[in-house]
């Protein structure tokens, strides 16, 4: 008797970042596509890429060189990839998701690989034009355009990503400053001695470092677009502000469900 062929289950993956892509790679390598019909939803217009080395684009690397896999790779493997398709709704009872375009997809299994989003401190003025986060290729385009007409840039946050962002501003030719609330750079990873060594190294590259510095507000500048007013009464004027003050889990979809 011929064995009846079982239909594949619908597996939806929400998120096409580095982790979401790694999951798909593992699924493909272990034969998971024999059991599942897979659809991946990416919020960005670009397929998965390496966010860790974003600043290298400002150093001359082509964005495509950061790509972990292009859409053709997904098609060749038999995985449906939908870009520019953020998921805005999750119905656990109906076992379905809804995209930003209003399209609904049902699932048997659902994987949430939604990653994180940049934390922006609620400083009065943080929504002003000329203030950016440093997270996506689209962010890089906006930052590059802003820097083209600017002279000075400030990164709020002295962690690893903040220093990467400062390097990006430096590569774009701006006088660059890092403003850190803690008493040293990378306060989670380094002790005071290590923090001092790193500060000296960063400043030797031409980046000004301001530690123990909290921003009270951001207002109109006189010699630049912004004036960052610090809680000690000092201020710094700058044309571009990048917030790199850490990340938060992108769990709103799950929480709302």
Protein backbone atom coordinates (compact mmCIF):
# COMPACT_ATOMS: atom_id res chain seq x y z
CA UNK A 1 0.00 0.00 0.00
CA UNK A 2 1.37 3.41 -0.94
CA UNK A 3 2.04 5.61 2.09
CA UNK A 4 -0.17 8.70 2.09
CA UNK A 5 1.89 11.88 1.85
CA UNK A 6 1.43 14.20 4.82
CA UNK A 7 0.94 17.92 4.08
CA UNK A 8 3.55 20.25 5.48
CA UNK A 9 2.86 22.45 8.48
CA UNK A 10 2.99 26.22 8.11
CA UNK A 11 5.96 27.71 10.00
CA UNK A 12 6.12 31.50 10.21
CA UNK A 13 9.26 33.34 11.34
CA UNK A 14 8.79 36.94 12.42
CA UNK A 15 12.10 38.75 12.05
CA UNK A 16 14.89 38.59 9.49
CA UNK A 17 17.76 39.85 11.58
CA UNK A 18 20.95 37.97 12.41
CA UNK A 19 19.24 35.54 14.81
CA UNK A 20 16.24 34.95 12.56
CA UNK A 21 18.52 34.19 9.65
CA UNK A 22 20.65 31.83 11.75
CA UNK A 23 17.49 29.93 12.69
CA UNK A 24 16.60 29.52 9.02
CA UNK A 25 20.11 28.29 8.22
CA UNK A 26 19.86 25.67 10.96
CA UNK A 27 16.40 24.63 9.83
CA UNK A 28 17.62 24.18 6.26
CA UNK A 29 20.75 22.27 7.32
CA UNK A 30 18.82 19.84 9.52
CA UNK A 31 16.18 19.01 6.92
CA UNK A 32 13.39 20.99 8.54
CA UNK A 33 11.94 22.05 5.18
CA UNK A 34 10.80 18.48 4.66
CA UNK A 35 8.30 19.05 7.45
CA UNK A 36 7.53 22.76 7.22
CA UNK A 37 6.43 25.31 4.65
CA UNK A 38 8.37 28.35 5.83
CA UNK A 39 7.56 32.06 5.47
CA UNK A 40 9.88 34.73 6.90
CA UNK A 41 8.77 38.32 7.56
CA UNK A 42 11.35 41.12 7.60
CA UNK A 43 10.43 44.65 8.63
CA UNK A 44 13.29 46.22 6.67
CA UNK A 45 13.62 46.37 2.87
CA UNK A 46 16.97 44.55 3.12
CA UNK A 47 17.47 40.87 3.85
CA UNK A 48 19.47 39.85 6.93
CA UNK A 49 22.81 41.62 7.39
CA UNK A 50 25.57 42.01 9.97
CA UNK A 51 24.62 44.95 12.21
CA UNK A 52 27.78 44.66 14.28
CA UNK A 53 29.95 46.12 11.53
CA UNK A 54 27.66 48.90 10.29
CA UNK A 55 30.31 51.58 10.70
CA UNK A 56 32.46 49.83 8.07
CA UNK A 57 30.02 51.10 5.44
CA UNK A 58 31.25 54.62 6.24
CA UNK A 59 34.78 53.30 5.80
CA UNK A 60 34.06 52.23 2.23
CA UNK A 61 32.52 48.77 2.58
CA UNK A 62 29.50 48.19 0.33
CA UNK A 63 26.25 47.47 2.23
CA UNK A 64 25.91 44.26 0.22
CA UNK A 65 29.13 42.99 1.83
CA UNK A 66 27.32 42.96 5.19
CA UNK A 67 24.55 40.80 3.80
CA UNK A 68 24.24 37.34 5.38
CA UNK A 69 22.11 36.02 2.52
CA UNK A 70 20.30 37.67 -0.35
CA UNK A 71 16.64 37.00 -1.25
CA UNK A 72 17.78 34.61 -3.98
CA UNK A 73 19.31 32.34 -1.31
CA UNK A 74 15.95 32.04 0.42
CA UNK A 75 14.21 31.34 -2.88
CA UNK A 76 16.74 28.65 -3.78
CA UNK A 77 16.18 26.94 -0.44
CA UNK A 78 12.41 27.04 -0.84
CA UNK A 79 11.82 29.63 1.90
CA UNK A 80 9.39 32.47 1.23
CA UNK A 81 10.91 35.79 2.29
CA UNK A 82 8.66 38.86 2.63
CA UNK A 83 10.61 42.10 3.13
CA UNK A 84 9.18 45.47 4.16
CA UNK A 85 6.52 43.39 5.92
CA UNK A 86 6.51 44.22 9.60
CA UNK A 87 4.09 42.14 11.65
CA UNK A 88 1.70 44.35 13.58
CA UNK A 89 -0.78 41.84 14.98
CA UNK A 90 -0.64 38.38 16.54
CA UNK A 91 -3.83 36.43 17.27
CA UNK A 92 -3.03 33.43 19.45
CA UNK A 93 -6.53 31.99 19.30
CA UNK A 94 -6.77 32.19 15.52
CA UNK A 95 -3.07 31.28 15.19
CA UNK A 96 -2.48 34.06 12.69
CA UNK A 97 -0.35 37.16 12.18
CA UNK A 98 -1.21 40.38 10.36
CA UNK A 99 1.32 42.43 8.40
CA UNK A 100 1.59 46.21 8.15
CA UNK A 101 -0.13 45.83 4.76
CA UNK A 102 -3.18 44.22 6.36
CA UNK A 103 -2.39 40.75 5.04
CA UNK A 104 -3.15 37.79 7.33
CA UNK A 105 -1.16 34.57 7.52
CA UNK A 106 -2.06 31.49 9.53
CA UNK A 107 0.50 29.27 11.20
CA UNK A 108 0.92 25.88 12.82
CA UNK A 109 4.21 26.93 14.40
CA UNK A 110 5.41 30.47 15.05
CA UNK A 111 8.94 31.71 15.77
CA UNK A 112 9.43 35.24 17.10
CA UNK A 113 12.92 36.51 16.26
CA UNK A 114 12.08 40.18 16.67
CA UNK A 115 15.38 41.18 18.27
CA UNK A 116 15.72 44.56 19.94
CA UNK A 117 15.26 48.28 19.40
CA UNK A 118 17.47 51.22 20.40
CA UNK A 119 16.75 52.85 23.73
CA UNK A 120 16.54 56.64 23.52
CA UNK A 121 16.72 58.43 26.89
CA UNK A 122 13.65 60.64 27.40
CA UNK A 123 15.70 63.84 27.27
CA UNK A 124 13.58 66.88 26.38
CA UNK A 125 14.37 67.62 22.73
CA UNK A 126 15.37 64.07 21.76
CA UNK A 127 12.79 64.05 18.94
CA UNK A 128 14.29 67.06 17.17
CA UNK A 129 15.28 66.82 13.51
CA UNK A 130 18.95 65.92 13.38
CA UNK A 131 18.73 63.32 16.17
CA UNK A 132 19.19 59.70 15.12
CA UNK A 133 19.62 56.15 16.31
CA UNK A 134 22.26 53.87 14.86
CA UNK A 135 20.67 50.54 14.08
CA UNK A 136 19.82 49.90 10.42
CA UNK A 137 21.15 50.52 6.91
CA UNK A 138 18.38 53.08 6.51
CA UNK A 139 19.70 54.87 9.62
CA UNK A 140 23.12 55.03 7.95
CA UNK A 141 21.66 56.75 4.89
CA UNK A 142 19.94 59.38 7.03
CA UNK A 143 23.06 59.94 9.14
CA UNK A 144 25.27 60.27 6.07
CA UNK A 145 22.94 62.89 4.59
CA UNK A 146 22.87 64.84 7.86
CA UNK A 147 26.65 64.75 8.22
CA UNK A 148 27.18 66.05 4.69
CA UNK A 149 26.23 69.54 5.83
CA UNK A 150 27.50 69.35 9.40
CA UNK A 151 30.75 69.99 11.25
CA UNK A 152 30.19 68.44 14.68
CA UNK A 153 28.59 65.20 15.85
CA UNK A 154 27.82 63.78 19.30
CA UNK A 155 27.11 60.22 20.36
CA UNK A 156 25.07 59.82 23.54
CA UNK A 157 26.33 56.58 25.08
CA UNK A 158 29.83 55.29 25.68
CA UNK A 159 29.26 51.57 25.34
CA UNK A 160 30.60 49.37 22.57
CA UNK A 161 27.94 50.38 20.04
CA UNK A 162 28.33 54.03 21.01
CA UNK A 163 32.03 53.88 20.23
CA UNK A 164 31.23 52.21 16.91
CA UNK A 165 28.84 55.08 16.19
CA UNK A 166 31.51 57.63 17.13
CA UNK A 167 33.88 55.96 14.71
CA UNK A 168 31.23 56.30 12.03
CA UNK A 169 30.94 60.05 12.62
CA UNK A 170 34.71 60.37 12.62
CA UNK A 171 34.93 58.54 9.30
CA UNK A 172 32.38 61.01 7.89
CA UNK A 173 34.73 63.87 8.76
CA UNK A 174 32.93 65.37 11.75
CA UNK A 175 34.48 66.69 14.94
CA UNK A 176 33.21 63.90 17.18
CA UNK A 177 32.24 63.78 20.86
CA UNK A 178 31.04 60.94 23.09
CA UNK A 179 28.83 61.83 26.06
CA UNK A 180 28.56 59.14 28.76
CA UNK A 181 26.53 59.39 31.96
CA UNK A 182 28.71 56.86 33.82
CA UNK A 183 32.18 57.73 35.19
CA UNK A 184 33.94 55.75 32.42
CA UNK A 185 33.46 54.30 28.95
CA UNK A 186 32.00 50.78 28.66
CA UNK A 187 31.14 50.81 32.39
CA UNK A 188 29.62 47.32 32.31
CA UNK A 189 32.72 45.70 30.85
CA UNK A 190 35.59 47.73 32.29
CA UNK A 191 36.91 48.70 35.72
CA UNK A 192 38.15 52.28 36.36
CA UNK A 193 41.71 51.53 35.18
CA UNK A 194 40.48 49.90 31.97
CA UNK A 195 38.04 52.78 31.43
CA UNK A 196 40.86 55.33 31.67
CA UNK A 197 43.01 53.38 29.23
CA UNK A 198 40.15 53.18 26.75
CA UNK A 199 39.35 56.88 27.13
CA UNK A 200 42.97 57.78 26.34
CA UNK A 201 42.95 55.48 23.32
CA UNK A 202 39.69 56.91 21.96
CA UNK A 203 40.87 60.49 22.45
CA UNK A 204 44.13 59.67 20.67
CA UNK A 205 42.00 58.92 17.60
CA UNK A 206 40.61 62.45 17.70
CA UNK A 207 37.31 61.80 19.51
CA UNK A 208 36.47 63.97 22.53
CA UNK A 209 35.14 61.97 25.49
CA UNK A 210 32.86 63.43 28.19
CA UNK A 211 32.21 61.07 31.12
CA UNK A 212 30.13 61.76 34.24
CA UNK A 213 28.00 63.90 31.95
CA UNK A 214 24.21 63.91 31.98
CA UNK A 215 22.16 65.82 29.39
CA UNK A 216 19.42 68.06 30.80
CA UNK A 217 17.82 69.02 27.48
CA UNK A 218 18.47 69.64 23.79
CA UNK A 219 17.54 73.06 22.40
CA UNK A 220 18.38 75.28 19.45
CA UNK A 221 22.06 76.03 19.10
CA UNK A 222 23.74 79.28 18.12
CA UNK A 223 26.73 78.02 16.16
CA UNK A 224 25.22 74.62 15.31
CA UNK A 225 21.80 73.00 14.92
CA UNK A 226 21.59 71.76 18.54
CA UNK A 227 22.74 72.83 21.96
CA UNK A 228 23.04 69.98 24.46
CA UNK A 229 22.64 71.49 27.92
CA UNK A 230 24.25 69.38 30.66
CA UNK A 231 23.08 69.12 34.24
CA UNK A 232 26.24 70.81 35.52
CA UNK A 233 25.37 73.92 33.52
CA UNK A 234 27.89 73.34 30.73
CA UNK A 235 26.74 72.83 27.14
CA UNK A 236 27.95 71.48 23.81
CA UNK A 237 26.77 72.58 20.38
CA UNK A 238 26.50 70.03 17.59
CA UNK A 239 24.90 69.47 14.20
CA UNK A 240 24.18 65.75 14.56
CA UNK A 241 23.23 63.66 17.61
CA UNK A 242 23.31 59.86 17.64
CA UNK A 243 21.68 58.00 20.50
CA UNK A 244 23.43 54.76 21.37
CA UNK A 245 22.34 54.26 24.97
CA UNK A 246 21.64 50.56 24.86
CA UNK A 247 18.86 48.36 23.54
CA UNK A 248 15.56 46.94 24.75
CA UNK A 249 13.90 43.67 23.70
CA UNK A 250 11.45 44.13 20.84
CA UNK A 251 8.70 42.20 22.62
CA UNK A 252 5.71 44.45 21.97
CA UNK A 253 4.10 42.01 19.52
CA UNK A 254 4.15 39.21 22.09
CA UNK A 255 3.07 41.50 24.94
CA UNK A 256 0.11 42.86 22.98
CA UNK A 257 -1.01 39.30 22.24
